[in-house]
Amino acid sequence: MSREAIENLTLDLEEMRKLAGSAQRSRVQQMLAIDIRKLETDIQRQRDLLAAQASSEQTIARPVQTSVPGDVRRYQVELKEYAWDQSDKFIKIFVTVNGVQQVPEDNVNVEFTENSFQLVISDLNNKDYIFVVNHLLNSIDAEKSYRRVKSDMVAIYLAKQGPAKWAHLTLTAKRLQDLKDERMSDGKKATSDDPSSGLMNIMQKLYESGDPETKRMINKAWHESQTKQKMNG
């Protein structure tokens, strides 16, 4: 992304902040607050990418110098694209990573705990990739969990502690679904002028304090809600 594009995003951010300052309805304020945080994150990410690109171009332009591997700067990329499935014994996570089969096996590591896991792929095209999921719906057996590297994909196998079927991958996803169900069942009983404001408050707090998986789930729920409203409108 060019500096001009970043400047345009910055102008958008200033405009949204002005709108948030003049907004009267709580729901509108909360919607703008979420979008503002997403835009702030996007701007910072694009600035980091631009800085990394500039550093790379400067390195190419310099005369060849002797250096050690530790001198090479890499930046971190958060992985977002994944799918999941399950059997009686395992929860299976499939994370898309183009070219992951090209790095040494030792560069692909997964750290498991009873309620979370973290995938780290080191030095793939001069980048470190990370994928983190916290607050799994149920406890797993970290010792029996493992990963496999495939073509453009890492498959992560979380060993269940029992054969029970998981309705969700994380407690966060379950909580969001419960909130949706509660909103549908209790919406008609709400006494507020804006029945959805309570849900928006909860989602906003979850987003502010959440890990990457929490934010992915909230963003997905938010977009689904907006799409449904447009269709009904």
C-alpha atoms as a PDB file:
ATOM      1  CA  MET A   1       0.000   0.000   0.000  1.00  0.00           C
ATOM      2  CA  SER A   2       1.306   3.475  -0.895  1.00  0.00           C
ATOM      3  CA  ARG A   3       1.779   6.360   1.493  1.00  0.00           C
ATOM      4  CA  GLU A   4      -1.043   8.166  -0.306  1.00  0.00           C
ATOM      5  CA  ALA A   5      -3.409   5.286   0.438  1.00  0.00           C
ATOM      6  CA  ILE A   6      -2.397   5.337   4.108  1.00  0.00           C
ATOM      7  CA  GLU A   7      -3.022   9.075   4.209  1.00  0.00           C
ATOM      8  CA  ASN A   8      -6.504   8.502   2.766  1.00  0.00           C
ATOM      9  CA  LEU A   9      -7.201   5.891   5.456  1.00  0.00           C
ATOM     10  CA  THR A  10      -6.007   8.372   8.069  1.00  0.00           C
ATOM     11  CA  LEU A  11      -8.419  10.981   6.723  1.00  0.00           C
ATOM     12  CA  ASP A  12     -11.202   8.395   6.875  1.00  0.00           C
ATOM     13  CA  LEU A  13     -10.268   7.698  10.490  1.00  0.00           C
ATOM     14  CA  GLU A  14     -10.446  11.417  11.383  1.00  0.00           C
ATOM     15  CA  GLU A  15     -13.859  11.676   9.718  1.00  0.00           C
ATOM     16  CA  MET A  16     -15.166   8.638  11.620  1.00  0.00           C
ATOM     17  CA  ARG A  17     -13.885  10.079  14.904  1.00  0.00           C
ATOM     18  CA  LYS A  18     -15.804  13.297  14.189  1.00  0.00           C
ATOM     19  CA  LEU A  19     -18.939  11.309  13.417  1.00  0.00           C
ATOM     20  CA  ALA A  20     -18.515   9.333  16.645  1.00  0.00           C
ATOM     21  CA  GLY A  21     -18.178  12.583  18.582  1.00  0.00           C
ATOM     22  CA  SER A  22     -21.438  13.937  17.189  1.00  0.00           C
ATOM     23  CA  ALA A  23     -23.440  10.680  17.252  1.00  0.00           C
ATOM     24  CA  GLN A  24     -26.369  10.681  19.669  1.00  0.00           C
ATOM     25  CA  ARG A  25     -27.590   7.079  19.716  1.00  0.00           C
ATOM     26  CA  SER A  26     -25.582   4.625  21.775  1.00  0.00           C
ATOM     27  CA  ARG A  27     -25.770   1.882  19.161  1.00  0.00           C
ATOM     28  CA  VAL A  28     -24.368   4.165  16.478  1.00  0.00           C
ATOM     29  CA  GLN A  29     -21.561   5.235  18.819  1.00  0.00           C
ATOM     30  CA  GLN A  30     -20.676   1.610  19.517  1.00  0.00           C
ATOM     31  CA  MET A  31     -20.750   0.671  15.833  1.00  0.00           C
ATOM     32  CA  LEU A  32     -18.448   3.563  14.993  1.00  0.00           C
ATOM     33  CA  ALA A  33     -16.143   2.683  17.893  1.00  0.00           C
ATOM     34  CA  ILE A  34     -15.671  -0.854  16.544  1.00  0.00           C
ATOM     35  CA  ASP A  35     -15.037   0.416  13.012  1.00  0.00           C
ATOM     36  CA  ILE A  36     -12.600   3.031  14.318  1.00  0.00           C
ATOM     37  CA  ARG A  37     -10.557   0.396  16.137  1.00  0.00           C
ATOM     38  CA  LYS A  38     -10.510  -1.816  13.034  1.00  0.00           C
ATOM     39  CA  LEU A  39      -9.355   1.119  10.914  1.00  0.00           C
ATOM     40  CA  GLU A  40      -6.652   2.064  13.449  1.00  0.00           C
ATOM     41  CA  THR A  41      -5.374  -1.505  13.384  1.00  0.00           C
ATOM     42  CA  ASP A  42      -5.407  -1.570   9.584  1.00  0.00           C
ATOM     43  CA  ILE A  43      -3.490   1.708   9.342  1.00  0.00           C
ATOM     44  CA  GLN A  44      -0.827   0.506  11.772  1.00  0.00           C
ATOM     45  CA  ARG A  45      -0.488  -2.803   9.906  1.00  0.00           C
ATOM     46  CA  GLN A  46      -0.098  -1.011   6.578  1.00  0.00           C
ATOM     47  CA  ARG A  47       2.513   1.329   8.072  1.00  0.00           C
ATOM     48  CA  ASP A  48       4.467  -1.657   9.346  1.00  0.00           C
ATOM     49  CA  LEU A  49       4.268  -3.347   5.936  1.00  0.00           C
ATOM     50  CA  LEU A  50       5.386  -0.154   4.198  1.00  0.00           C
ATOM     51  CA  ALA A  51       8.307   0.216   6.601  1.00  0.00           C
ATOM     52  CA  ALA A  52       9.315  -3.413   6.022  1.00  0.00           C
ATOM     53  CA  GLN A  53       9.102  -2.930   2.259  1.00  0.00           C
ATOM     54  CA  ALA A  54      11.234   0.215   2.430  1.00  0.00           C
ATOM     55  CA  SER A  55      13.792  -1.606   4.549  1.00  0.00           C
ATOM     56  CA  SER A  56      13.877  -4.481   2.040  1.00  0.00           C
ATOM     57  CA  GLU A  57      14.356  -2.104  -0.901  1.00  0.00           C
ATOM     58  CA  GLN A  58      17.200  -0.337   0.890  1.00  0.00           C
ATOM     59  CA  THR A  59      18.869  -3.663   1.584  1.00  0.00           C
ATOM     60  CA  ILE A  60      18.687  -4.637  -2.102  1.00  0.00           C
ATOM     61  CA  ALA A  61      20.126  -1.300  -3.192  1.00  0.00           C
ATOM     62  CA  ARG A  62      23.175  -1.569  -0.939  1.00  0.00           C
ATOM     63  CA  PRO A  63      26.435  -3.254  -1.991  1.00  0.00           C
ATOM     64  CA  VAL A  64      26.666  -6.900  -0.992  1.00  0.00           C
ATOM     65  CA  GLN A  65      27.949  -7.198   2.556  1.00  0.00           C
ATOM     66  CA  THR A  66      28.834 -10.141   4.713  1.00  0.00           C
ATOM     67  CA  SER A  67      26.190 -10.685   7.384  1.00  0.00           C
ATOM     68  CA  VAL A  68      24.955 -13.351   9.722  1.00  0.00           C
ATOM     69  CA  PRO A  69      21.376 -14.711   9.651  1.00  0.00           C
ATOM     70  CA  GLY A  70      20.503 -12.801  12.813  1.00  0.00           C
ATOM     71  CA  ASP A  71      20.975  -9.507  10.953  1.00  0.00           C
ATOM     72  CA  VAL A  72      18.066 -10.203   8.595  1.00  0.00           C
ATOM     73  CA  ARG A  73      14.926  -8.400   9.696  1.00  0.00           C
ATOM     74  CA  ARG A  74      11.661 -10.302   9.534  1.00  0.00           C
ATOM     75  CA  TYR A  75       8.179  -9.155  10.405  1.00  0.00           C
ATOM     76  CA  GLN A  76       5.277 -11.056  11.833  1.00  0.00           C
ATOM     77  CA  VAL A  77       2.101 -11.941   9.947  1.00  0.00           C
ATOM     78  CA  GLU A  78      -1.068 -12.992  11.758  1.00  0.00           C
ATOM     79  CA  LEU A  79      -2.822 -15.865   9.991  1.00  0.00           C
ATOM     80  CA  LYS A  80      -6.607 -15.674   9.719  1.00  0.00           C
ATOM     81  CA  GLU A  81      -7.794 -18.170   7.122  1.00  0.00           C
ATOM     82  CA  TYR A  82      -8.655 -21.584   8.575  1.00  0.00           C
ATOM     83  CA  ALA A  83     -11.280 -24.295   8.690  1.00  0.00           C
ATOM     84  CA  TRP A  84     -12.035 -26.965  11.265  1.00  0.00           C
ATOM     85  CA  ASP A  85     -13.626 -30.389  11.497  1.00  0.00           C
ATOM     86  CA  GLN A  86     -13.734 -33.178  14.075  1.00  0.00           C
ATOM     87  CA  SER A  87     -13.788 -36.891  14.671  1.00  0.00           C
ATOM     88  CA  ASP A  88     -14.409 -38.825  17.878  1.00  0.00           C
ATOM     89  CA  LYS A  89     -10.760 -38.399  18.890  1.00  0.00           C
ATOM     90  CA  PHE A  90      -9.564 -35.138  17.346  1.00  0.00           C
ATOM     91  CA  ILE A  91     -10.488 -31.569  16.518  1.00  0.00           C
ATOM     92  CA  LYS A  92      -8.811 -30.861  13.170  1.00  0.00           C
ATOM     93  CA  ILE A  93      -7.690 -27.327  12.286  1.00  0.00           C
ATOM     94  CA  PHE A  94      -6.615 -26.548   8.726  1.00  0.00           C
ATOM     95  CA  VAL A  95      -4.594 -23.334   8.369  1.00  0.00           C
ATOM     96  CA  THR A  96      -3.856 -22.042   4.871  1.00  0.00           C
ATOM     97  CA  VAL A  97      -0.222 -20.925   4.421  1.00  0.00           C
ATOM     98  CA  ASN A  98       1.048 -20.645   0.863  1.00  0.00           C
ATOM     99  CA  GLY A  99       4.446 -22.316   0.410  1.00  0.00           C
ATOM    100  CA  VAL A 100       4.716 -23.648   3.972  1.00  0.00           C
ATOM    101  CA  GLN A 101       6.048 -26.975   2.637  1.00  0.00           C
ATOM    102  CA  GLN A 102       9.175 -25.140   1.491  1.00  0.00           C
ATOM    103  CA  VAL A 103      10.519 -24.380   4.969  1.00  0.00           C
ATOM    104  CA  PRO A 104      12.356 -26.931   7.161  1.00  0.00           C
ATOM    105  CA  GLU A 105      10.131 -29.024   9.418  1.00  0.00           C
ATOM    106  CA  ASP A 106      11.767 -27.479  12.486  1.00  0.00           C
ATOM    107  CA  ASN A 107      10.484 -24.059  11.377  1.00  0.00           C
ATOM    108  CA  VAL A 108       6.859 -25.130  11.874  1.00  0.00           C
ATOM    109  CA  ASN A 109       6.025 -25.407  15.560  1.00  0.00           C
ATOM    110  CA  VAL A 110       2.816 -25.679  17.543  1.00  0.00           C
ATOM    111  CA  GLU A 111       2.673 -25.116  21.289  1.00  0.00           C
ATOM    112  CA  PHE A 112      -0.283 -26.837  22.941  1.00  0.00           C
ATOM    113  CA  THR A 113      -1.824 -26.208  26.341  1.00  0.00           C
ATOM    114  CA  GLU A 114      -4.944 -27.721  27.855  1.00  0.00           C
ATOM    115  CA  ASN A 115      -7.134 -24.882  26.527  1.00  0.00           C
ATOM    116  CA  SER A 116      -5.185 -23.252  23.683  1.00  0.00           C
ATOM    117  CA  PHE A 117      -2.600 -23.636  20.955  1.00  0.00           C
ATOM    118  CA  GLN A 118      -0.201 -21.406  19.040  1.00  0.00           C
ATOM    119  CA  LEU A 119       1.221 -22.103  15.592  1.00  0.00           C
ATOM    120  CA  VAL A 120       4.475 -20.349  14.622  1.00  0.00           C
ATOM    121  CA  ILE A 121       6.062 -20.671  11.179  1.00  0.00           C
ATOM    122  CA  SER A 122       9.537 -19.147  11.161  1.00  0.00           C
ATOM    123  CA  ASP A 123      11.314 -17.555   8.211  1.00  0.00           C
ATOM    124  CA  LEU A 124       8.912 -18.286   5.359  1.00  0.00           C
ATOM    125  CA  ASN A 125       9.817 -15.770   2.639  1.00  0.00           C
ATOM    126  CA  ASN A 126      11.461 -13.617   5.314  1.00  0.00           C
ATOM    127  CA  LYS A 127       8.297 -13.541   7.438  1.00  0.00           C
ATOM    128  CA  ASP A 128       7.227 -15.208  10.668  1.00  0.00           C
ATOM    129  CA  TYR A 129       3.622 -16.415  10.612  1.00  0.00           C
ATOM    130  CA  ILE A 130       1.567 -16.873  13.758  1.00  0.00           C
ATOM    131  CA  PHE A 131      -1.871 -18.354  14.450  1.00  0.00           C
ATOM    132  CA  VAL A 132      -3.259 -18.378  17.996  1.00  0.00           C
ATOM    133  CA  VAL A 133      -6.485 -19.813  19.395  1.00  0.00           C
ATOM    134  CA  ASN A 134      -7.257 -19.397  23.099  1.00  0.00           C
ATOM    135  CA  HIS A 135     -10.205 -20.498  25.238  1.00  0.00           C
ATOM    136  CA  LEU A 136     -10.983 -23.756  23.453  1.00  0.00           C
ATOM    137  CA  LEU A 137     -14.510 -25.007  24.071  1.00  0.00           C
ATOM    138  CA  ASN A 138     -13.245 -28.100  25.947  1.00  0.00           C
ATOM    139  CA  SER A 139      -9.919 -29.195  27.378  1.00  0.00           C
ATOM    140  CA  ILE A 140      -7.563 -31.130  25.101  1.00  0.00           C
ATOM    141  CA  ASP A 141      -4.739 -33.614  25.687  1.00  0.00           C
ATOM    142  CA  ALA A 142      -1.687 -31.490  24.840  1.00  0.00           C
ATOM    143  CA  GLU A 143       0.660 -34.491  24.876  1.00  0.00           C
ATOM    144  CA  LYS A 144      -1.311 -36.344  22.196  1.00  0.00           C
ATOM    145  CA  SER A 145      -1.926 -33.293  20.000  1.00  0.00           C
ATOM    146  CA  TYR A 146       0.276 -32.751  16.943  1.00  0.00           C
ATOM    147  CA  ARG A 147       0.604 -31.073  13.557  1.00  0.00           C
ATOM    148  CA  ARG A 148       1.318 -32.070   9.970  1.00  0.00           C
ATOM    149  CA  VAL A 149       2.724 -29.921   7.177  1.00  0.00           C
ATOM    150  CA  LYS A 150       0.950 -30.300   3.839  1.00  0.00           C
ATOM    151  CA  SER A 151       1.043 -28.433   0.536  1.00  0.00           C
ATOM    152  CA  ASP A 152       0.119 -24.806   1.322  1.00  0.00           C
ATOM    153  CA  MET A 153      -1.433 -25.904   4.605  1.00  0.00           C
ATOM    154  CA  VAL A 154      -0.709 -26.866   8.206  1.00  0.00           C
ATOM    155  CA  ALA A 155      -3.088 -29.417   9.719  1.00  0.00           C
ATOM    156  CA  ILE A 156      -3.335 -29.255  13.523  1.00  0.00           C
ATOM    157  CA  TYR A 157      -4.825 -32.179  15.432  1.00  0.00           C
ATOM    158  CA  LEU A 158      -6.172 -31.410  18.912  1.00  0.00           C
ATOM    159  CA  ALA A 159      -6.624 -34.623  20.901  1.00  0.00           C
ATOM    160  CA  LYS A 160      -9.985 -34.665  22.652  1.00  0.00           C
ATOM    161  CA  GLN A 161     -10.183 -35.776  26.249  1.00  0.00           C
ATOM    162  CA  GLY A 162     -13.489 -37.463  25.444  1.00  0.00           C
ATOM    163  CA  PRO A 163     -15.607 -38.390  22.414  1.00  0.00           C
ATOM    164  CA  ALA A 164     -18.141 -35.583  22.927  1.00  0.00           C
ATOM    165  CA  LYS A 165     -19.029 -33.581  19.813  1.00  0.00           C
ATOM    166  CA  TRP A 166     -17.933 -29.925  19.899  1.00  0.00           C
ATOM    167  CA  ALA A 167     -20.629 -27.479  18.781  1.00  0.00           C
ATOM    168  CA  HIS A 168     -18.041 -24.670  18.610  1.00  0.00           C
ATOM    169  CA  LEU A 169     -14.274 -24.402  18.475  1.00  0.00           C
ATOM    170  CA  THR A 170     -13.965 -21.885  21.309  1.00  0.00           C
ATOM    171  CA  LEU A 171     -15.839 -20.652  24.354  1.00  0.00           C
ATOM    172  CA  THR A 172     -15.917 -17.246  22.668  1.00  0.00           C
ATOM    173  CA  ALA A 173     -17.818 -18.651  19.695  1.00  0.00           C
ATOM    174  CA  LYS A 174     -20.267 -20.376  22.050  1.00  0.00           C
ATOM    175  CA  ARG A 175     -20.769 -17.187  24.039  1.00  0.00           C
ATOM    176  CA  LEU A 176     -21.490 -15.181  20.902  1.00  0.00           C
ATOM    177  CA  GLN A 177     -24.012 -17.774  19.760  1.00  0.00           C
ATOM    178  CA  ASP A 178     -25.658 -17.742  23.188  1.00  0.00           C
ATOM    179  CA  LEU A 179     -25.903 -13.950  22.997  1.00  0.00           C
ATOM    180  CA  LYS A 180     -27.529 -14.179  19.568  1.00  0.00           C
ATOM    181  CA  ASP A 181     -30.033 -16.759  20.854  1.00  0.00           C
ATOM    182  CA  GLU A 182     -30.768 -14.682  23.934  1.00  0.00           C
ATOM    183  CA  ARG A 183     -31.291 -11.591  21.814  1.00  0.00           C
ATOM    184  CA  MET A 184     -33.779 -13.416  19.600  1.00  0.00           C
ATOM    185  CA  SER A 185     -35.755 -14.850  22.533  1.00  0.00           C
ATOM    186  CA  ASP A 186     -35.740 -11.763  24.751  1.00  0.00           C
ATOM    187  CA  GLY A 187     -35.758  -9.004  22.154  1.00  0.00           C
ATOM    188  CA  LYS A 188     -39.508  -8.516  22.351  1.00  0.00           C
ATOM    189  CA  LYS A 189     -39.336  -8.120  26.126  1.00  0.00           C
ATOM    190  CA  ALA A 190     -36.693  -5.373  26.060  1.00  0.00           C
ATOM    191  CA  THR A 191     -37.787  -2.060  27.524  1.00  0.00           C
ATOM    192  CA  SER A 192     -34.952  -0.015  26.038  1.00  0.00           C
ATOM    193  CA  ASP A 193     -35.510   2.161  22.960  1.00  0.00           C
ATOM    194  CA  ASP A 194     -32.637   0.238  21.401  1.00  0.00           C
ATOM    195  CA  PRO A 195     -32.967  -3.478  22.324  1.00  0.00           C
ATOM    196  CA  SER A 196     -29.631  -4.379  20.736  1.00  0.00           C
ATOM    197  CA  SER A 197     -27.558  -1.887  22.745  1.00  0.00           C
ATOM    198  CA  GLY A 198     -26.868  -4.406  25.508  1.00  0.00           C
ATOM    199  CA  LEU A 199     -25.555  -6.938  23.017  1.00  0.00           C
ATOM    200  CA  MET A 200     -23.424  -4.278  21.338  1.00  0.00           C
ATOM    201  CA  ASN A 201     -21.907  -3.323  24.705  1.00  0.00           C
ATOM    202  CA  ILE A 202     -20.981  -6.925  25.431  1.00  0.00           C
ATOM    203  CA  MET A 203     -19.522  -7.459  21.951  1.00  0.00           C
ATOM    204  CA  GLN A 204     -17.519  -4.252  22.259  1.00  0.00           C
ATOM    205  CA  LYS A 205     -16.017  -5.328  25.593  1.00  0.00           C
ATOM    206  CA  LEU A 206     -15.229  -8.776  24.198  1.00  0.00           C
ATOM    207  CA  TYR A 207     -13.513  -7.202  21.192  1.00  0.00           C
ATOM    208  CA  GLU A 208     -11.400  -4.807  23.291  1.00  0.00           C
ATOM    209  CA  SER A 209     -10.098  -7.531  25.604  1.00  0.00           C
ATOM    210  CA  GLY A 210     -10.153 -10.445  23.186  1.00  0.00           C
ATOM    211  CA  ASP A 211      -7.442 -12.497  21.542  1.00  0.00           C
ATOM    212  CA  PRO A 212      -7.220 -12.835  17.719  1.00  0.00           C
ATOM    213  CA  GLU A 213      -9.780 -15.660  17.673  1.00  0.00           C
ATOM    214  CA  THR A 214     -12.241 -13.573  19.691  1.00  0.00           C
ATOM    215  CA  LYS A 215     -11.862 -10.647  17.310  1.00  0.00           C
ATOM    216  CA  ARG A 216     -12.266 -12.905  14.278  1.00  0.00           C
ATOM    217  CA  MET A 217     -15.526 -14.279  15.669  1.00  0.00           C
ATOM    218  CA  ILE A 218     -16.893 -10.843  16.589  1.00  0.00           C
ATOM    219  CA  ASN A 219     -16.029  -9.404  13.174  1.00  0.00           C
ATOM    220  CA  LYS A 220     -17.741 -12.366  11.510  1.00  0.00           C
ATOM    221  CA  ALA A 221     -20.853 -11.972  13.677  1.00  0.00           C
ATOM    222  CA  TRP A 222     -20.884  -8.227  13.014  1.00  0.00           C
ATOM    223  CA  HIS A 223     -20.740  -8.642   9.233  1.00  0.00           C
ATOM    224  CA  GLU A 224     -23.433 -11.334   9.313  1.00  0.00           C
ATOM    225  CA  SER A 225     -25.676  -9.024  11.346  1.00  0.00           C
ATOM    226  CA  GLN A 226     -25.130  -6.117   8.951  1.00  0.00           C
ATOM    227  CA  THR A 227     -25.825  -8.298   5.916  1.00  0.00           C
ATOM    228  CA  LYS A 228     -29.052  -9.589   7.489  1.00  0.00           C
ATOM    229  CA  GLN A 229     -30.201  -6.055   8.313  1.00  0.00           C
ATOM    230  CA  LYS A 230     -29.595  -4.900   4.724  1.00  0.00           C
ATOM    231  CA  MET A 231     -31.541  -7.864   3.354  1.00  0.00           C
ATOM    232  CA  ASN A 232     -34.447  -7.215   5.721  1.00  0.00           C
ATOM    233  CA  GLY A 233     -34.338  -3.511   4.976  1.00  0.00           C
END
